[in-house]
Amino acid sequence: MALRRGRARAREEAFFIGKRIRRYTLLKEKIFSRISNYKLETGSLDEINNFKLQYDLSEIKASSYYAEASEYMTRDLSASITRPEELERLVTEFNNDVDELIRKIIPSRTREILQRVTTISDAKKGALPPGNTISLENITP
């Protein structure tokens, strides 16, 4: 009798282990492999996006498996491993810093330096500045 119960318990455990393995395999295929194969990409070759990174998990997050996979990542991954959401936040923060650098800091510093040697024009990009002046809109890019 005890032997039968032991065999039944072993079959039951094997069934649940098999079920868990199939579930992990599915999560690996649908979420984990896609995240681990995802690469940070640089932006397009226009003047500002050239310095930005792209990391968008919205397609992966739209998967019905993502919530469960996220639970496993939270529970099973070492705290030293950067979570995908954190990496996404860091990339957004980096891109905001690039925006500030390109739109505010570089023009301001360039104006400050060039004003020591010449007159700066406020002519818009593509417009011809008045004689003996420099248009920052034309040279900063």
N, C-alpha and C. Protein backbone atom coordinates (compact mmCIF):
# COMPACT_ATOMS: atom_id res chain seq x y z
N MET A 1 0.83 -1.20 0.00
CA MET A 1 0.00 0.00 0.00
C MET A 1 0.87 1.26 0.00
N ALA A 2 1.88 1.28 0.86
CA ALA A 2 2.78 2.44 0.94
C ALA A 2 3.56 2.59 -0.35
N LEU A 3 3.89 1.43 -0.95
CA LEU A 3 4.63 1.46 -2.22
C LEU A 3 3.78 2.10 -3.31
N ARG A 4 2.48 1.76 -3.36
CA ARG A 4 1.57 2.36 -4.34
C ARG A 4 1.46 3.86 -4.17
N ARG A 5 1.32 4.28 -2.92
CA ARG A 5 1.21 5.72 -2.64
C ARG A 5 2.50 6.43 -3.04
N GLY A 6 3.63 5.79 -2.79
CA GLY A 6 4.92 6.37 -3.17
C GLY A 6 5.03 6.52 -4.68
N ARG A 7 4.59 5.49 -5.44
CA ARG A 7 4.62 5.56 -6.91
C ARG A 7 3.66 6.63 -7.43
N ALA A 8 2.48 6.70 -6.82
CA ALA A 8 1.49 7.69 -7.24
C ALA A 8 2.04 9.11 -6.99
N ARG A 9 2.67 9.27 -5.85
CA ARG A 9 3.25 10.58 -5.52
C ARG A 9 4.37 10.92 -6.50
N ALA A 10 5.19 9.93 -6.84
CA ALA A 10 6.30 10.15 -7.77
C ALA A 10 5.75 10.52 -9.15
N ARG A 11 4.68 9.83 -9.62
CA ARG A 11 4.06 10.17 -10.92
C ARG A 11 3.49 11.58 -10.90
N GLU A 12 2.85 11.91 -9.78
CA GLU A 12 2.27 13.25 -9.63
C GLU A 12 3.36 14.32 -9.66
N GLU A 13 4.45 14.08 -8.95
CA GLU A 13 5.56 15.03 -8.95
C GLU A 13 6.17 15.16 -10.34
N ALA A 14 6.34 14.02 -11.01
CA ALA A 14 6.89 14.04 -12.38
C ALA A 14 5.97 14.83 -13.31
N PHE A 15 4.65 14.66 -13.14
CA PHE A 15 3.69 15.40 -13.96
C PHE A 15 3.85 16.90 -13.75
N PHE A 16 3.92 17.32 -12.48
CA PHE A 16 4.03 18.75 -12.20
C PHE A 16 5.40 19.31 -12.60
N ILE A 17 6.44 18.51 -12.47
CA ILE A 17 7.76 18.95 -12.92
C ILE A 17 7.74 19.13 -14.43
N GLY A 18 7.14 18.18 -15.15
CA GLY A 18 7.02 18.30 -16.61
C GLY A 18 6.21 19.52 -17.01
N LYS A 19 5.14 19.75 -16.29
CA LYS A 19 4.29 20.92 -16.57
C LYS A 19 5.07 22.22 -16.33
N ARG A 20 5.83 22.26 -15.23
CA ARG A 20 6.63 23.44 -14.92
C ARG A 20 7.71 23.65 -15.98
N ILE A 21 8.35 22.59 -16.43
CA ILE A 21 9.38 22.70 -17.46
C ILE A 21 8.78 23.23 -18.76
N ARG A 22 7.60 22.73 -19.13
CA ARG A 22 6.94 23.24 -20.36
C ARG A 22 6.62 24.73 -20.21
N ARG A 23 6.18 25.12 -19.01
CA ARG A 23 5.84 26.53 -18.78
C ARG A 23 7.09 27.41 -18.86
N TYR A 24 8.17 26.97 -18.23
CA TYR A 24 9.43 27.73 -18.29
C TYR A 24 9.94 27.82 -19.73
N THR A 25 9.81 26.73 -20.47
CA THR A 25 10.23 26.72 -21.88
C THR A 25 9.42 27.74 -22.68
N LEU A 26 8.13 27.78 -22.43
CA LEU A 26 7.26 28.75 -23.11
C LEU A 26 7.64 30.18 -22.73
N LEU A 27 7.87 30.45 -21.45
CA LEU A 27 8.27 31.78 -21.01
C LEU A 27 9.63 32.17 -21.60
N LYS A 28 10.53 31.19 -21.67
CA LYS A 28 11.84 31.47 -22.26
C LYS A 28 11.69 31.87 -23.72
N GLU A 29 10.86 31.13 -24.44
CA GLU A 29 10.66 31.40 -25.87
C GLU A 29 9.96 32.75 -26.10
N LYS A 30 8.93 33.00 -25.33
CA LYS A 30 8.09 34.19 -25.57
C LYS A 30 8.67 35.48 -24.97
N ILE A 31 9.43 35.38 -23.86
CA ILE A 31 9.88 36.59 -23.17
C ILE A 31 11.40 36.61 -22.96
N PHE A 32 11.91 35.65 -22.20
CA PHE A 32 13.31 35.73 -21.76
C PHE A 32 14.30 35.77 -22.92
N SER A 33 14.13 34.93 -23.93
CA SER A 33 15.05 34.93 -25.07
C SER A 33 14.96 36.25 -25.83
N ARG A 34 13.75 36.76 -25.97
CA ARG A 34 13.58 38.03 -26.70
C ARG A 34 14.26 39.17 -25.96
N ILE A 35 14.15 39.19 -24.63
CA ILE A 35 14.80 40.25 -23.85
C ILE A 35 16.31 40.08 -23.90
N SER A 36 16.80 38.86 -23.74
CA SER A 36 18.25 38.68 -23.71
C SER A 36 18.88 38.92 -25.08
N ASN A 37 18.13 38.75 -26.15
CA ASN A 37 18.66 39.00 -27.49
C ASN A 37 18.47 40.44 -27.95
N TYR A 38 17.70 41.22 -27.16
CA TYR A 38 17.43 42.61 -27.53
C TYR A 38 18.71 43.42 -27.39
N LYS A 39 18.98 44.25 -28.36
CA LYS A 39 20.20 45.06 -28.33
C LYS A 39 19.85 46.53 -28.28
N LEU A 40 20.63 47.27 -27.53
CA LEU A 40 20.51 48.72 -27.57
C LEU A 40 20.93 49.16 -28.96
N GLU A 41 20.20 50.06 -29.54
CA GLU A 41 20.54 50.55 -30.87
C GLU A 41 20.73 52.05 -30.82
N THR A 42 21.58 52.55 -31.71
CA THR A 42 21.74 53.99 -31.80
C THR A 42 20.63 54.53 -32.69
N GLY A 43 20.39 55.81 -32.56
CA GLY A 43 19.32 56.44 -33.33
C GLY A 43 19.67 56.62 -34.79
N SER A 44 18.76 57.23 -35.49
CA SER A 44 18.97 57.49 -36.91
C SER A 44 20.05 58.56 -37.07
N LEU A 45 20.49 58.76 -38.27
CA LEU A 45 21.62 59.65 -38.51
C LEU A 45 21.21 61.10 -38.74
N ASP A 46 20.26 61.61 -37.98
CA ASP A 46 20.02 63.05 -38.05
C ASP A 46 20.79 63.70 -36.91
N GLU A 47 20.76 64.99 -36.83
CA GLU A 47 21.68 65.69 -35.93
C GLU A 47 21.51 65.37 -34.44
N ILE A 48 20.30 65.11 -33.95
CA ILE A 48 20.11 64.86 -32.53
C ILE A 48 20.05 63.37 -32.23
N ASN A 49 19.25 62.63 -32.97
CA ASN A 49 19.07 61.21 -32.67
C ASN A 49 20.32 60.38 -32.89
N ASN A 50 21.32 60.95 -33.53
CA ASN A 50 22.57 60.24 -33.74
C ASN A 50 23.22 59.85 -32.42
N PHE A 51 22.95 60.59 -31.35
CA PHE A 51 23.57 60.34 -30.06
C PHE A 51 22.67 59.57 -29.10
N LYS A 52 21.45 59.30 -29.50
CA LYS A 52 20.50 58.65 -28.60
C LYS A 52 20.53 57.13 -28.78
N LEU A 53 20.01 56.46 -27.76
CA LEU A 53 19.88 55.01 -27.81
C LEU A 53 18.41 54.65 -27.93
N GLN A 54 18.14 53.48 -28.47
CA GLN A 54 16.76 53.00 -28.57
C GLN A 54 16.65 51.69 -27.81
N TYR A 55 15.71 51.65 -26.90
CA TYR A 55 15.43 50.43 -26.14
C TYR A 55 13.96 50.45 -25.80
N ASP A 56 13.17 49.76 -26.59
CA ASP A 56 11.72 49.81 -26.45
C ASP A 56 11.19 48.39 -26.29
N LEU A 57 10.69 48.11 -25.11
CA LEU A 57 10.15 46.77 -24.82
C LEU A 57 8.64 46.70 -24.98
N SER A 58 8.03 47.71 -25.56
CA SER A 58 6.56 47.74 -25.60
C SER A 58 5.96 46.52 -26.28
N GLU A 59 6.60 46.01 -27.32
CA GLU A 59 6.07 44.82 -28.01
C GLU A 59 6.18 43.60 -27.10
N ILE A 60 7.30 43.48 -26.39
CA ILE A 60 7.48 42.35 -25.48
C ILE A 60 6.52 42.47 -24.29
N LYS A 61 6.36 43.70 -23.78
CA LYS A 61 5.46 43.91 -22.64
C LYS A 61 4.00 43.65 -23.00
N ALA A 62 3.66 43.75 -24.28
CA ALA A 62 2.29 43.52 -24.71
C ALA A 62 1.93 42.04 -24.68
N SER A 63 2.92 41.17 -24.56
CA SER A 63 2.67 39.73 -24.53
C SER A 63 1.89 39.35 -23.27
N SER A 64 1.01 38.40 -23.42
CA SER A 64 0.24 37.93 -22.26
C SER A 64 1.13 37.18 -21.27
N TYR A 65 2.33 36.83 -21.66
CA TYR A 65 3.25 36.10 -20.80
C TYR A 65 4.15 37.05 -19.98
N TYR A 66 4.15 38.32 -20.31
CA TYR A 66 5.11 39.24 -19.70
C TYR A 66 4.93 39.37 -18.18
N ALA A 67 3.72 39.46 -17.70
CA ALA A 67 3.48 39.64 -16.26
C ALA A 67 4.06 38.46 -15.48
N GLU A 68 3.81 37.25 -15.97
CA GLU A 68 4.34 36.07 -15.29
C GLU A 68 5.87 36.04 -15.36
N ALA A 69 6.42 36.36 -16.53
CA ALA A 69 7.88 36.38 -16.69
C ALA A 69 8.49 37.44 -15.79
N SER A 70 7.83 38.57 -15.66
CA SER A 70 8.32 39.65 -14.80
C SER A 70 8.38 39.20 -13.35
N GLU A 71 7.38 38.43 -12.94
CA GLU A 71 7.37 37.87 -11.58
C GLU A 71 8.59 36.98 -11.35
N TYR A 72 8.86 36.11 -12.32
CA TYR A 72 10.02 35.23 -12.21
C TYR A 72 11.32 36.04 -12.16
N MET A 73 11.41 37.06 -13.00
CA MET A 73 12.63 37.88 -13.01
C MET A 73 12.83 38.54 -11.66
N THR A 74 11.76 39.07 -11.10
CA THR A 74 11.84 39.75 -9.80
C THR A 74 12.28 38.77 -8.71
N ARG A 75 11.71 37.58 -8.76
CA ARG A 75 11.99 36.59 -7.71
C ARG A 75 13.34 35.88 -7.90
N ASP A 76 13.68 35.56 -9.16
CA ASP A 76 14.82 34.67 -9.40
C ASP A 76 16.13 35.35 -9.79
N LEU A 77 16.06 36.57 -10.31
CA LEU A 77 17.30 37.20 -10.75
C LEU A 77 18.04 37.85 -9.58
N SER A 78 19.34 37.81 -9.66
CA SER A 78 20.18 38.47 -8.66
C SER A 78 19.91 39.97 -8.70
N ALA A 79 20.04 40.59 -7.55
CA ALA A 79 19.81 42.05 -7.47
C ALA A 79 20.84 42.83 -8.28
N SER A 80 21.98 42.20 -8.58
CA SER A 80 23.02 42.90 -9.34
C SER A 80 22.72 42.97 -10.83
N ILE A 81 21.72 42.21 -11.30
CA ILE A 81 21.36 42.20 -12.71
C ILE A 81 20.34 43.31 -12.97
N THR A 82 20.61 44.14 -13.96
CA THR A 82 19.70 45.23 -14.29
C THR A 82 18.44 44.67 -14.93
N ARG A 83 17.31 45.03 -14.38
CA ARG A 83 16.01 44.57 -14.90
C ARG A 83 15.72 45.31 -16.21
N PRO A 84 14.98 44.69 -17.12
CA PRO A 84 14.66 45.34 -18.39
C PRO A 84 13.98 46.70 -18.21
N GLU A 85 13.06 46.79 -17.25
CA GLU A 85 12.37 48.05 -17.02
C GLU A 85 13.33 49.14 -16.55
N GLU A 86 14.30 48.74 -15.73
CA GLU A 86 15.31 49.69 -15.25
C GLU A 86 16.19 50.16 -16.39
N LEU A 87 16.58 49.23 -17.26
CA LEU A 87 17.40 49.60 -18.41
C LEU A 87 16.62 50.55 -19.32
N GLU A 88 15.34 50.27 -19.49
CA GLU A 88 14.50 51.15 -20.30
C GLU A 88 14.45 52.55 -19.69
N ARG A 89 14.31 52.63 -18.36
CA ARG A 89 14.29 53.92 -17.66
C ARG A 89 15.63 54.65 -17.81
N LEU A 90 16.73 53.91 -17.69
CA LEU A 90 18.05 54.51 -17.82
C LEU A 90 18.29 55.04 -19.24
N VAL A 91 17.82 54.33 -20.23
CA VAL A 91 17.96 54.78 -21.62
C VAL A 91 17.15 56.05 -21.83
N THR A 92 15.94 56.11 -21.29
CA THR A 92 15.11 57.32 -21.41
C THR A 92 15.81 58.50 -20.73
N GLU A 93 16.36 58.25 -19.55
CA GLU A 93 17.08 59.30 -18.82
C GLU A 93 18.29 59.78 -19.64
N PHE A 94 19.03 58.84 -20.20
CA PHE A 94 20.19 59.18 -21.03
C PHE A 94 19.76 60.02 -22.22
N ASN A 95 18.67 59.62 -22.90
CA ASN A 95 18.19 60.36 -24.06
C ASN A 95 17.73 61.77 -23.69
N ASN A 96 17.14 61.92 -22.51
CA ASN A 96 16.76 63.26 -22.03
C ASN A 96 18.01 64.12 -21.80
N ASP A 97 19.06 63.50 -21.26
CA ASP A 97 20.31 64.23 -21.06
C ASP A 97 20.92 64.65 -22.40
N VAL A 98 20.84 63.78 -23.40
CA VAL A 98 21.34 64.11 -24.74
C VAL A 98 20.55 65.28 -25.30
N ASP A 99 19.22 65.24 -25.14
CA ASP A 99 18.38 66.35 -25.61
C ASP A 99 18.82 67.67 -24.98
N GLU A 100 19.01 67.64 -23.67
CA GLU A 100 19.41 68.87 -22.97
C GLU A 100 20.78 69.35 -23.47
N LEU A 101 21.69 68.43 -23.65
CA LEU A 101 23.02 68.78 -24.14
C LEU A 101 22.94 69.41 -25.52
N ILE A 102 22.21 68.79 -26.42
CA ILE A 102 22.14 69.25 -27.81
C ILE A 102 21.36 70.57 -27.92
N ARG A 103 20.26 70.68 -27.21
CA ARG A 103 19.38 71.83 -27.38
C ARG A 103 19.76 73.04 -26.51
N LYS A 104 20.41 72.79 -25.36
CA LYS A 104 20.68 73.91 -24.44
C LYS A 104 22.17 74.14 -24.20
N ILE A 105 22.86 73.12 -23.77
CA ILE A 105 24.24 73.31 -23.31
C ILE A 105 25.20 73.63 -24.46
N ILE A 106 25.18 72.85 -25.52
CA ILE A 106 26.11 73.09 -26.63
C ILE A 106 25.90 74.47 -27.26
N PRO A 107 24.67 74.85 -27.61
CA PRO A 107 24.50 76.20 -28.18
C PRO A 107 24.93 77.32 -27.22
N SER A 108 24.62 77.14 -25.95
CA SER A 108 24.98 78.16 -24.97
C SER A 108 26.50 78.29 -24.85
N ARG A 109 27.20 77.17 -24.73
CA ARG A 109 28.67 77.20 -24.63
C ARG A 109 29.30 77.71 -25.93
N THR A 110 28.75 77.30 -27.07
CA THR A 110 29.28 77.75 -28.36
C THR A 110 29.13 79.26 -28.49
N ARG A 111 27.95 79.76 -28.14
CA ARG A 111 27.72 81.21 -28.19
C ARG A 111 28.72 81.94 -27.29
N GLU A 112 28.88 81.42 -26.08
CA GLU A 112 29.79 82.02 -25.11
C GLU A 112 31.23 82.09 -25.66
N ILE A 113 31.68 81.02 -26.27
CA ILE A 113 33.05 80.98 -26.81
C ILE A 113 33.19 81.87 -28.04
N LEU A 114 32.23 81.77 -28.97
CA LEU A 114 32.34 82.53 -30.22
C LEU A 114 32.17 84.03 -30.01
N GLN A 115 31.42 84.44 -28.99
CA GLN A 115 31.22 85.87 -28.76
C GLN A 115 32.53 86.56 -28.41
N ARG A 116 33.53 85.80 -28.01
CA ARG A 116 34.83 86.38 -27.71
C ARG A 116 35.56 86.84 -28.98
N VAL A 117 35.18 86.23 -30.12
CA VAL A 117 35.92 86.54 -31.35
C VAL A 117 35.07 87.14 -32.47
N THR A 118 33.76 87.04 -32.38
CA THR A 118 32.91 87.54 -33.46
C THR A 118 31.52 87.88 -32.94
N THR A 119 30.70 88.44 -33.83
CA THR A 119 29.32 88.77 -33.49
C THR A 119 28.44 87.57 -33.86
N ILE A 120 27.52 87.25 -32.96
CA ILE A 120 26.62 86.11 -33.19
C ILE A 120 25.29 86.64 -33.72
N SER A 121 24.80 85.98 -34.78
CA SER A 121 23.53 86.34 -35.38
C SER A 121 22.45 85.39 -34.87
N ASP A 122 21.23 85.87 -34.79
CA ASP A 122 20.11 85.00 -34.42
C ASP A 122 19.34 84.53 -35.65
N ALA A 123 20.00 84.55 -36.81
CA ALA A 123 19.36 84.07 -38.05
C ALA A 123 18.96 82.61 -37.88
N LYS A 124 17.80 82.27 -38.38
CA LYS A 124 17.30 80.91 -38.28
C LYS A 124 18.09 79.97 -39.18
N LYS A 125 18.00 78.69 -38.89
CA LYS A 125 18.72 77.67 -39.65
C LYS A 125 18.40 77.79 -41.14
N GLY A 126 19.44 77.82 -41.94
CA GLY A 126 19.28 77.91 -43.40
C GLY A 126 19.26 79.34 -43.91
N ALA A 127 18.98 80.32 -43.03
CA ALA A 127 18.95 81.73 -43.46
C ALA A 127 20.38 82.28 -43.49
N LEU A 128 20.59 83.23 -44.35
CA LEU A 128 21.90 83.86 -44.47
C LEU A 128 22.04 84.92 -43.38
N PRO A 129 23.05 84.81 -42.52
CA PRO A 129 23.21 85.80 -41.45
C PRO A 129 23.76 87.11 -42.03
N PRO A 130 23.55 88.22 -41.31
CA PRO A 130 24.11 89.49 -41.76
C PRO A 130 25.64 89.39 -41.87
N GLY A 131 26.24 90.28 -42.64
CA GLY A 131 27.68 90.27 -42.85
C GLY A 131 28.47 90.33 -41.55
N ASN A 132 29.62 89.69 -41.53
CA ASN A 132 30.52 89.65 -40.39
C ASN A 132 29.90 89.08 -39.12
N THR A 133 28.93 88.17 -39.27
CA THR A 133 28.32 87.51 -38.10
C THR A 133 28.30 86.00 -38.35
N ILE A 134 28.07 85.28 -37.30
CA ILE A 134 27.95 83.82 -37.39
C ILE A 134 26.58 83.45 -36.85
N SER A 135 25.89 82.58 -37.57
CA SER A 135 24.61 82.06 -37.12
C SER A 135 24.83 80.72 -36.42
N LEU A 136 24.52 80.65 -35.12
CA LEU A 136 24.68 79.39 -34.39
C LEU A 136 23.78 78.31 -34.93
N GLU A 137 22.61 78.71 -35.42
CA GLU A 137 21.66 77.73 -35.96
C GLU A 137 22.28 76.98 -37.14
N ASN A 138 23.17 77.66 -37.86
CA ASN A 138 23.79 77.02 -39.03
C ASN A 138 25.04 76.20 -38.67
N ILE A 139 25.76 76.60 -37.62
CA ILE A 139 27.01 75.90 -37.35
C ILE A 139 26.93 74.84 -36.26
N THR A 140 26.00 74.96 -35.33
CA THR A 140 25.93 74.00 -34.24
C THR A 140 25.72 72.56 -34.72
N PRO A 141 24.81 72.32 -35.67
CA PRO A 141 24.66 70.92 -36.12
C PRO A 141 25.94 70.37 -36.71
